[in-house]
Protein backbone atom coordinates (compact mmCIF):
# COMPACT_ATOMS: atom_id res chain seq x y z
CA ASN A 1 -73.31 -58.62 -49.28
CA GLN A 2 -73.67 -55.88 -46.63
CA GLN A 3 -69.92 -56.01 -45.90
CA LEU A 4 -69.14 -55.56 -49.59
CA GLN A 5 -71.40 -52.50 -49.78
CA ASN A 6 -69.73 -51.04 -46.67
CA LEU A 7 -66.28 -51.55 -48.19
CA GLN A 8 -67.36 -49.96 -51.48
CA GLY A 9 -68.71 -46.97 -49.55
CA GLN A 10 -65.42 -46.64 -47.67
CA VAL A 11 -63.44 -46.78 -50.93
CA GLN A 12 -65.63 -44.07 -52.47
CA GLN A 13 -65.25 -41.87 -49.39
CA THR A 14 -61.46 -42.34 -49.45
CA GLN A 15 -61.32 -41.42 -53.15
CA GLN A 16 -63.41 -38.30 -52.51
CA ASN A 17 -61.13 -37.28 -49.62
CA GLN A 18 -58.04 -37.82 -51.77
CA ALA A 19 -59.51 -35.76 -54.62
CA GLN A 20 -60.39 -32.93 -52.21
CA THR A 21 -56.89 -32.98 -50.69
CA GLN A 22 -55.30 -32.86 -54.16
CA LYS A 23 -57.59 -29.99 -55.14
CA THR A 24 -56.62 -28.05 -52.00
CA VAL A 25 -52.90 -28.61 -52.62
CA THR A 26 -53.27 -27.49 -56.25
CA GLU A 27 -55.19 -24.38 -55.17
CA MET A 28 -52.48 -23.54 -52.61
CA LYS A 29 -49.73 -23.87 -55.21
CA THR A 30 -51.51 -21.84 -57.91
CA SER A 31 -53.10 -19.15 -55.75
CA PRO A 32 -51.30 -15.83 -55.28
CA GLY A 33 -49.13 -16.23 -52.22
CA GLY A 34 -49.63 -20.05 -52.50
CA GLY A 35 -49.68 -21.64 -49.08
CA VAL A 36 -48.73 -20.17 -45.76
CA GLY A 37 -47.21 -16.72 -46.24
CA GLY A 38 -46.42 -17.50 -49.88
CA ALA A 39 -44.67 -20.78 -49.01
CA VAL A 40 -45.54 -24.41 -49.54
CA VAL A 41 -44.39 -26.92 -46.94
CA LYS A 42 -43.27 -30.30 -48.27
CA MET A 43 -41.61 -33.42 -46.93
CA LEU A 44 -38.66 -34.32 -49.19
CA ASN A 45 -36.43 -37.27 -48.27
CA GLY A 46 -37.89 -37.30 -44.77
CA ARG A 47 -37.14 -33.64 -44.00
CA PRO A 48 -39.43 -30.60 -43.90
CA VAL A 49 -38.81 -28.17 -46.75
CA PHE A 50 -40.37 -24.73 -47.10
CA GLU A 51 -40.70 -23.68 -50.75
CA SER A 52 -41.71 -20.37 -52.27
CA ALA A 53 -44.79 -20.34 -54.46
CA ASP A 54 -42.66 -20.08 -57.60
CA GLY A 55 -40.33 -22.92 -56.49
CA GLN A 56 -37.21 -20.78 -56.87
CA THR A 57 -36.35 -20.56 -53.17
CA THR A 58 -36.34 -23.36 -50.60
CA LEU A 59 -35.27 -23.87 -47.01
CA GLY A 60 -34.92 -27.39 -45.67
CA ILE A 61 -34.21 -28.45 -42.10
CA THR A 62 -31.62 -31.22 -41.84
CA GLY A 63 -30.13 -33.18 -38.98
CA ARG A 64 -28.41 -36.36 -37.89
CA LEU A 65 -28.13 -37.98 -34.48
CA HIS A 66 -25.81 -40.92 -33.69
CA PHE A 67 -25.29 -42.17 -30.12
CA ASP A 68 -22.61 -44.28 -28.42
CA MET A 69 -23.41 -46.15 -25.25
CA GLY A 70 -21.11 -48.06 -22.96
CA ALA A 71 -21.68 -49.92 -19.73
CA TYR A 72 -19.00 -51.71 -17.75
CA ASP A 73 -19.68 -54.31 -15.09
CA TRP A 74 -16.44 -54.96 -13.26
CA LYS A 75 -15.79 -55.83 -9.65
CA PRO A 76 -13.05 -53.65 -8.14
CA ASP A 77 -12.72 -55.89 -5.08
CA SER A 78 -12.01 -59.12 -6.98
CA LYS A 79 -8.62 -60.86 -7.16
CA GLY A 80 -6.32 -59.59 -9.89
CA THR A 81 -8.07 -56.26 -10.22
CA THR A 82 -5.68 -53.61 -11.40
CA PRO A 83 -6.38 -49.89 -11.60
CA GLN A 84 -8.84 -49.35 -14.43
CA SER A 85 -10.43 -46.32 -15.98
CA LEU A 86 -13.73 -47.53 -17.32
CA ASN A 87 -16.59 -45.07 -17.54
CA SER A 88 -20.14 -46.01 -18.36
CA GLY A 89 -22.19 -43.47 -20.21
CA VAL A 90 -23.74 -42.09 -23.36
CA ASN A 91 -22.09 -39.92 -25.98
CA ALA A 92 -23.77 -38.08 -28.85
CA ARG A 93 -21.20 -39.04 -31.50
CA ARG A 94 -22.88 -36.93 -34.20
CA ALA A 95 -25.58 -34.40 -33.40
CA ARG A 96 -25.90 -32.32 -36.53
CA LEU A 97 -28.45 -29.63 -37.18
CA GLY A 98 -28.62 -27.24 -40.10
CA VAL A 99 -30.39 -25.75 -43.08
CA THR A 100 -30.00 -26.47 -46.76
CA GLY A 101 -31.78 -25.20 -49.83
CA LYS A 102 -31.71 -22.94 -52.86
CA PHE A 103 -32.12 -19.24 -53.51
CA MET A 104 -33.43 -17.63 -56.72
CA GLY A 105 -33.07 -20.92 -58.60
CA ASP A 106 -29.35 -20.65 -59.36
CA TRP A 107 -27.88 -20.61 -55.85
CA ASP A 108 -27.68 -23.52 -53.40
CA TYR A 109 -26.65 -23.14 -49.78
CA ASN A 110 -25.77 -25.41 -46.90
CA LEU A 111 -25.12 -24.54 -43.24
CA ILE A 112 -24.65 -27.44 -40.80
CA PHE A 113 -23.30 -27.46 -37.25
CA ASP A 114 -22.25 -30.55 -35.29
CA PHE A 115 -23.06 -30.46 -31.57
CA GLY A 116 -21.81 -34.03 -30.95
CA GLY A 117 -19.11 -35.06 -28.53
CA SER A 118 -16.77 -36.88 -30.91
CA THR A 119 -14.55 -33.93 -31.77
CA ASP A 120 -10.96 -33.57 -30.62
CA SER A 121 -11.07 -29.79 -30.89
CA GLY A 122 -12.27 -29.34 -27.31
CA SER A 123 -15.31 -27.39 -28.47
CA ASN A 124 -18.80 -28.84 -28.32
CA VAL A 125 -19.96 -27.06 -31.48
CA VAL A 126 -18.15 -27.59 -34.77
CA LEU A 127 -18.96 -26.04 -38.14
CA GLU A 128 -19.52 -29.03 -40.43
CA ASN A 129 -20.42 -27.21 -43.69
CA ALA A 130 -21.06 -23.58 -44.64
CA TYR A 131 -21.04 -22.88 -48.35
CA ILE A 132 -22.95 -21.51 -51.32
CA THR A 133 -22.98 -22.96 -54.83
CA TYR A 134 -23.73 -21.14 -58.08
CA ASN A 135 -25.45 -23.39 -60.64
CA GLY A 136 -26.11 -20.82 -63.39
CA PHE A 137 -23.60 -22.25 -65.89
CA ASN A 138 -24.78 -25.85 -66.29
CA PRO A 139 -23.06 -28.32 -66.14
CA PHE A 140 -20.54 -26.30 -64.11
CA HIS A 141 -21.04 -25.54 -60.42
CA PHE A 142 -18.99 -23.06 -58.40
CA ASP A 143 -18.65 -23.57 -54.65
CA LEU A 144 -17.54 -20.98 -52.14
CA GLY A 145 -17.22 -21.58 -48.41
CA TYR A 146 -16.24 -24.26 -45.94
CA GLN A 147 -17.10 -27.85 -46.81
CA ASP A 148 -15.98 -31.35 -46.06
CA VAL A 149 -14.56 -32.70 -49.34
CA PRO A 150 -14.39 -36.50 -49.40
CA TYR A 151 -10.76 -37.54 -49.91
CA THR A 152 -11.35 -41.30 -50.00
CA LEU A 153 -14.19 -43.64 -50.90
CA ASP A 154 -14.60 -44.44 -47.20
CA GLU A 155 -15.12 -40.76 -46.39
CA ALA A 156 -17.46 -40.32 -49.37
CA THR A 157 -19.75 -42.96 -47.84
CA SER A 158 -22.31 -41.37 -45.52
CA SER A 159 -21.87 -41.99 -41.80
CA ASN A 160 -25.42 -43.35 -41.94
CA ASN A 161 -24.20 -46.19 -44.19
CA ILE A 162 -20.85 -47.27 -42.75
CA MET A 163 -20.63 -50.63 -41.00
CA PHE A 164 -18.93 -49.44 -37.83
CA ILE A 165 -19.36 -46.25 -35.83
CA GLU A 166 -15.82 -45.11 -36.72
CA ARG A 167 -14.14 -44.93 -40.10
CA SER A 168 -11.07 -47.06 -40.78
CA SER A 169 -7.73 -45.89 -39.36
CA ALA A 170 -6.16 -45.87 -42.84
CA GLN A 171 -8.80 -43.42 -44.06
CA VAL A 172 -8.41 -41.16 -41.03
CA ILE A 173 -4.62 -41.04 -41.47
CA ALA A 174 -4.88 -40.38 -45.24
CA ALA A 175 -7.44 -37.60 -44.77
CA ASN A 176 -5.36 -35.90 -42.06
CA LEU A 177 -2.12 -35.75 -44.08
């Protein structure tokens, strides 16, 4: 009986805390300047997003980190050993960092850099996406800038959802034509 009363007290306290938190969030959104410096901080799809009090302007931090690791255990002094070039190590295949959001309700923007080591360009930093989109004429959207347009279904699939760390050779050849 005492345990039941304790649990009921805990449930009531939790409900009061939740109601107070909801009241505070509502006050922050509806008050002039709503939130910190006029912005509300949210977590959308696992990323922090700063939103203006009127909801017309947002700035979200985005990123992606994929690693390769390799370790080779070979004995150079064994019989039949031929010259080999095997290097153990770690490679940041994709190390993307950027911002994405909207401006004045009708404009979207996206700026993402890739700091990973999988590029053949010789540079460590590659511009992945840098574009703005005008959404004022629904259902039409106008893009301007540099973006990776998926040429095949394989490329349209996120690198977070592909089975292997590399895309198929056929897709790479088709996209590079």
